[in-house]
Protein backbone atom coordinates (compact mmCIF):
# COMPACT_ATOMS: atom_id res chain seq x y z
CA MET A 1 0.00 0.00 0.00
CA PHE A 2 1.22 3.51 -0.86
CA ILE A 3 1.08 5.85 2.14
CA ILE A 4 1.69 9.59 1.95
CA CYS A 5 3.21 10.90 5.14
CA PHE A 6 3.50 14.57 4.33
CA MET A 7 3.31 16.22 0.94
CA TYR A 8 4.39 19.63 -0.28
CA ILE A 9 5.48 21.39 -3.49
CA ARG A 10 9.12 22.40 -3.70
CA LYS A 11 10.10 25.40 -5.85
CA THR A 12 13.72 25.31 -7.03
CA LYS A 13 15.61 27.97 -8.96
CA LYS A 14 17.61 26.78 -11.99
CA VAL A 15 19.99 28.64 -14.31
CA ILE A 16 20.67 27.86 -17.98
CA PRO A 17 24.52 27.85 -18.22
CA GLU A 18 24.66 29.09 -21.82
CA THR A 19 22.44 32.14 -21.29
CA GLN A 20 22.52 32.52 -17.50
CA LYS A 21 18.72 32.81 -17.68
CA ALA A 22 17.02 31.81 -14.43
CA TYR A 23 13.80 29.86 -14.14
CA PHE A 24 11.94 27.79 -11.54
CA VAL A 25 10.94 24.15 -11.48
CA TYR A 26 8.24 22.66 -9.25
CA GLN A 27 8.29 19.19 -7.70
CA LEU A 28 5.74 17.33 -5.63
CA VAL A 29 7.72 16.00 -2.67
CA GLU A 30 6.94 13.47 0.05
CA SER A 31 8.54 13.88 3.47
CA VAL A 32 8.98 10.60 5.38
CA ARG A 33 10.54 9.65 8.67
CA THR A 34 13.36 7.09 8.62
CA GLU A 35 15.79 5.67 11.18
CA ARG A 36 18.22 8.37 10.06
CA GLY A 37 15.69 11.14 10.44
CA PRO A 38 13.34 12.94 8.02
CA ARG A 39 13.96 12.34 4.33
CA GLN A 40 12.42 13.84 1.18
CA ARG A 41 11.46 11.91 -1.95
CA ILE A 42 10.37 13.44 -5.25
CA LEU A 43 7.00 12.00 -6.26
CA LEU A 44 6.27 13.97 -9.42
CA SER A 45 7.82 16.73 -11.50
CA LEU A 46 5.29 19.49 -12.15
CA GLY A 47 7.34 21.37 -14.73
CA SER A 48 8.34 25.03 -14.75
CA ASP A 49 4.93 26.69 -15.15
CA ILE A 50 1.99 25.52 -13.04
CA ASP A 51 0.08 28.83 -13.04
CA VAL A 52 -0.29 28.99 -9.25
CA ILE A 53 0.97 31.77 -6.97
CA ASP A 54 3.43 30.76 -4.25
CA GLU A 55 0.85 31.32 -1.50
CA ASP A 56 -1.40 28.63 -3.04
CA LEU A 57 1.26 25.93 -3.52
CA LYS A 58 0.48 24.41 -0.13
CA LEU A 59 -3.25 24.36 -0.93
CA LEU A 60 -2.52 22.54 -4.19
CA ALA A 61 -0.33 19.98 -2.39
CA ASN A 62 -3.01 19.45 0.26
CA ARG A 63 -5.70 18.84 -2.35
CA ILE A 64 -3.51 16.35 -4.27
CA GLU A 65 -2.87 14.48 -1.02
CA GLU A 66 -6.60 14.37 -0.25
CA ILE A 67 -7.39 12.92 -3.69
CA ILE A 68 -4.62 10.31 -3.43
CA THR A 69 -5.58 9.18 0.07
CA GLY A 70 -9.33 9.45 -0.48
CA ALA A 71 -9.70 11.93 2.37
CA LYS A 72 -12.77 14.16 2.47
CA SER A 73 -12.13 17.85 2.03
CA PHE A 74 -13.66 20.38 4.42
CA TYR A 75 -11.96 23.32 2.72
CA PRO A 76 -13.55 24.99 -0.35
CA TYR A 77 -10.81 25.00 -2.99
CA SER A 78 -10.91 27.28 -6.03
CA GLU A 79 -11.78 25.86 -9.45
CA LYS A 80 -8.16 26.29 -10.60
CA ILE A 81 -6.72 24.43 -7.58
CA GLU A 82 -9.30 21.66 -7.93
CA GLY A 83 -8.59 21.21 -11.66
CA LEU A 84 -4.81 21.15 -11.27
CA ALA A 85 -5.01 18.78 -8.29
CA GLU A 86 -7.09 16.29 -10.28
CA VAL A 87 -4.58 16.36 -13.16
CA TYR A 88 -1.50 15.90 -10.96
CA ALA A 89 -3.17 13.28 -8.75
CA SER A 90 -4.09 11.30 -11.87
CA LYS A 91 -0.48 11.45 -13.11
CA LEU A 92 0.84 10.41 -9.70
CA LEU A 93 -1.54 7.45 -9.51
CA GLN A 94 -0.43 6.37 -12.99
CA ARG A 95 3.20 6.55 -11.91
CA ILE A 96 2.51 4.59 -8.74
CA SER A 97 0.67 1.87 -10.69
CA LYS A 98 3.63 1.52 -13.07
CA THR A 99 6.30 1.35 -10.35
CA THR A 100 4.43 -0.84 -7.85
CA PRO A 101 4.84 -4.53 -8.80
CA MET A 102 1.73 -6.69 -8.78
CA THR A 103 2.01 -9.71 -6.49
CA GLU A 104 0.87 -12.96 -8.05
CA LEU A 105 -1.40 -14.84 -5.67
CA THR A 106 -1.83 -18.60 -5.72
CA GLU A 107 -5.30 -20.09 -5.35
CA GLU A 108 -4.64 -20.65 -1.63
CA GLN A 109 -3.54 -17.01 -1.19
CA THR A 110 -6.48 -15.43 -3.01
CA ASP A 111 -8.17 -12.86 -0.81
CA TYR A 112 -11.79 -12.03 -1.64
CA GLN A 113 -13.33 -8.83 -0.29
CA SER A 114 -16.86 -7.41 -0.45
CA ILE A 115 -17.34 -4.00 -2.10
CA ASP A 116 -20.16 -1.58 -1.44
CA MET A 117 -21.05 -0.46 -4.98
CA GLN A 118 -22.73 2.67 -3.60
CA THR A 119 -19.39 3.93 -2.26
CA ILE A 120 -17.46 3.68 -5.55
CA GLU A 121 -16.40 7.06 -6.87
CA GLN A 122 -15.22 7.94 -10.36
CA GLN A 123 -12.23 10.22 -10.64
CA GLU A 124 -11.81 12.08 -13.92
CA PRO A 125 -13.37 9.35 -16.16
CA ARG A 126 -12.16 9.32 -19.77
CA THR A 127 -13.15 7.68 -23.04
CA VAL A 128 -10.44 5.68 -24.84
CA GLY A 129 -12.19 3.06 -27.02
CA ALA A 130 -12.80 4.98 -30.23
CA GLU A 131 -9.59 6.96 -29.76
CA HIS A 132 -7.55 3.75 -29.48
CA LEU A 133 -9.19 2.28 -32.59
CA LEU A 134 -8.42 5.36 -34.68
CA LEU A 135 -4.86 5.53 -33.38
CA HIS A 136 -4.40 1.93 -34.53
CA PHE A 137 -5.60 2.88 -38.03
CA ILE A 138 -3.35 5.97 -38.08
CA SER A 139 -0.39 3.82 -37.08
CA GLN A 140 -1.14 1.27 -39.82
CA VAL A 141 -1.22 3.87 -42.60
CA GLY A 142 1.79 5.74 -41.19
CA LEU A 143 0.09 9.12 -40.97
CA GLN A 144 2.31 10.39 -38.16
CA LYS A 145 5.42 9.71 -40.25
CA LYS A 146 3.88 11.51 -43.22
CA LEU A 147 3.08 14.58 -41.08
CA ARG A 148 6.68 14.72 -39.85
CA GLU A 149 7.89 14.50 -43.48
CA LEU A 150 5.67 17.49 -44.27
CA GLY A 151 7.52 19.47 -41.60
CA PHE A 152 5.12 19.13 -38.66
CA SER A 153 6.80 19.39 -35.24
CA LYS A 154 6.22 16.76 -32.54
CA LYS A 155 3.65 19.03 -30.87
CA GLU A 156 1.93 19.80 -34.19
CA VAL A 157 1.66 16.07 -34.93
CA ALA A 158 -0.02 15.48 -31.55
CA LEU A 159 -2.44 18.37 -32.10
CA SER A 160 -3.15 17.14 -35.64
CA LEU A 161 -4.07 13.70 -34.28
CA ALA A 162 -6.31 15.44 -31.76
CA MET A 163 -8.12 17.36 -34.50
CA ILE A 164 -8.46 14.35 -36.83
CA ILE A 165 -9.61 11.92 -34.14
CA GLY A 166 -11.78 14.60 -32.54
CA ARG A 167 -13.63 15.14 -35.83
CA ALA A 168 -14.35 11.40 -36.06
CA VAL A 169 -15.27 10.73 -32.42
CA PHE A 170 -16.68 14.09 -31.34
CA PRO A 171 -17.52 16.18 -34.44
CA ALA A 172 -17.80 19.79 -33.31
CA SER A 173 -16.04 23.15 -33.40
CA GLU A 174 -12.39 23.63 -32.38
CA ARG A 175 -13.58 25.15 -29.09
CA ALA A 176 -15.77 22.11 -28.33
CA THR A 177 -12.97 19.77 -29.40
CA TYR A 178 -10.59 21.54 -27.01
CA GLU A 179 -13.01 21.07 -24.10
CA TRP A 180 -13.47 17.40 -25.11
CA LEU A 181 -9.70 16.82 -25.08
CA ILE A 182 -9.28 18.49 -21.69
CA HIS A 183 -12.22 17.02 -19.80
CA ARG A 184 -13.59 13.92 -21.53
CA SER A 185 -11.11 12.13 -23.79
CA GLY A 186 -8.21 9.88 -22.78
CA LEU A 187 -6.35 10.60 -26.03
CA GLY A 188 -3.66 12.53 -24.14
CA GLU A 189 -2.79 9.47 -22.09
CA LEU A 190 -2.77 7.25 -25.19
CA ILE A 191 -0.24 9.42 -27.05
CA ASP A 192 1.57 10.71 -23.93
CA PHE A 193 0.68 14.35 -24.54
CA ASP A 194 -0.70 16.84 -22.02
CA PHE A 195 -3.46 18.85 -23.71
CA HIS A 196 -3.78 20.99 -20.56
CA LYS A 197 -0.57 22.71 -21.69
CA THR A 198 -2.05 23.72 -25.04
CA SER A 199 -4.48 26.46 -25.99
CA LEU A 200 -7.49 26.84 -28.24
CA TYR A 201 -5.42 29.12 -30.48
CA GLN A 202 -2.95 26.26 -31.10
CA LEU A 203 -5.80 24.05 -32.32
CA TYR A 204 -6.90 26.78 -34.74
CA LYS A 205 -3.31 27.10 -35.94
CA VAL A 206 -2.84 23.36 -36.57
CA SER A 207 -6.20 23.24 -38.38
CA ASP A 208 -4.86 25.84 -40.81
CA LEU A 209 -1.68 23.80 -41.17
CA LEU A 210 -3.65 20.66 -42.03
CA LEU A 211 -5.69 22.61 -44.56
CA GLU A 212 -2.48 23.91 -46.13
CA HIS A 213 -1.28 20.31 -46.71
CA LYS A 214 -4.74 18.89 -47.44
CA SER A 215 -3.95 17.73 -50.98
CA ASP A 216 -0.70 15.95 -50.03
CA ILE A 217 -2.33 14.24 -47.04
CA GLU A 218 -5.34 13.04 -49.05
CA LYS A 219 -3.15 11.63 -51.84
CA TYR A 220 -0.92 9.88 -49.30
CA LEU A 221 -3.87 8.33 -47.44
CA ALA A 222 -5.48 7.11 -50.65
CA THR A 223 -2.26 5.28 -51.61
CA ALA A 224 -1.57 4.03 -48.06
CA GLU A 225 -5.07 2.57 -47.64
CA GLN A 226 -4.78 0.68 -50.94
CA THR A 227 -1.37 -0.66 -49.90
CA VAL A 228 -2.20 -1.64 -46.31
CA TYR A 229 -5.72 -2.98 -46.87
CA SER A 230 -5.36 -4.12 -50.51
CA TYR A 231 -8.15 -1.80 -51.62
CA PRO A 232 -8.59 -1.66 -55.41
CA SER A 233 -8.44 1.74 -57.07
CA THR A 234 -12.05 2.42 -58.02
CA MET A 235 -13.78 5.34 -59.69
CA ILE A 236 -17.54 5.77 -59.21
CA LEU A 237 -19.60 7.85 -61.64
CA TYR A 238 -22.99 9.00 -60.39
CA ASP A 239 -25.59 10.84 -62.46
CA LEU A 240 -26.95 13.74 -60.40
CA THR A 241 -29.30 15.03 -63.12
CA ASN A 242 -32.48 13.45 -61.77
CA THR A 243 -31.62 14.41 -58.21
CA TYR A 244 -30.98 18.00 -59.24
CA SER A 245 -34.27 18.16 -61.21
CA ALA A 246 -36.23 16.68 -58.33
CA LEU A 247 -34.79 19.24 -55.93
CA ASN A 248 -35.76 22.08 -58.28
CA LEU A 249 -39.31 20.75 -58.70
CA HIS A 250 -39.64 20.43 -54.93
């Protein structure tokens, strides 16, 4: 079992040697007591910009600890603190699950426990099914590689996948897609990209970039689909005359 003894956010000043430019990095730290006295262990790196004033760092650490331990909060946190705490707590839980080995139990060691279904709580639920399916298709046709060949940066590739998959799974405006990525979709976890660090403007910008390369992307996909799935090259001719006349008469 993972037990948090005392948690706080440490702010450390760093200097870039080449430019002598100073900046700060933030780390979520656990303080534990050992036989040799108190010791600190870094639980999670929070980056260099967490958009929280120094006076609220302790509040953010407290809220993360409450979410991790399942403690009930009696303090009314702001919307910003609550949102950031949920994001960092989710990342910390993911890290814990990856670093904590699962113990294989034999049939004699199996321990069955009863669960009260009314007490189960969801924490930041996300959809991943359709996103995973489309990522599999994108991987098969090599779309990510093609975008990089067209000059897309790593971040622009991730945002392009977000726009393409968002149009298929959640067809809506860029603004609605942005909200979907932040609050409802698990695409960020699937491609290891934090959409909380992007902006709506960046989605607009990558949409323009995709439109700029629309012809090249369409031609590439047409060829890739025929190669990967053995689709025959087919041309369909459809007479719209009767349809057009019927619409006019109507």
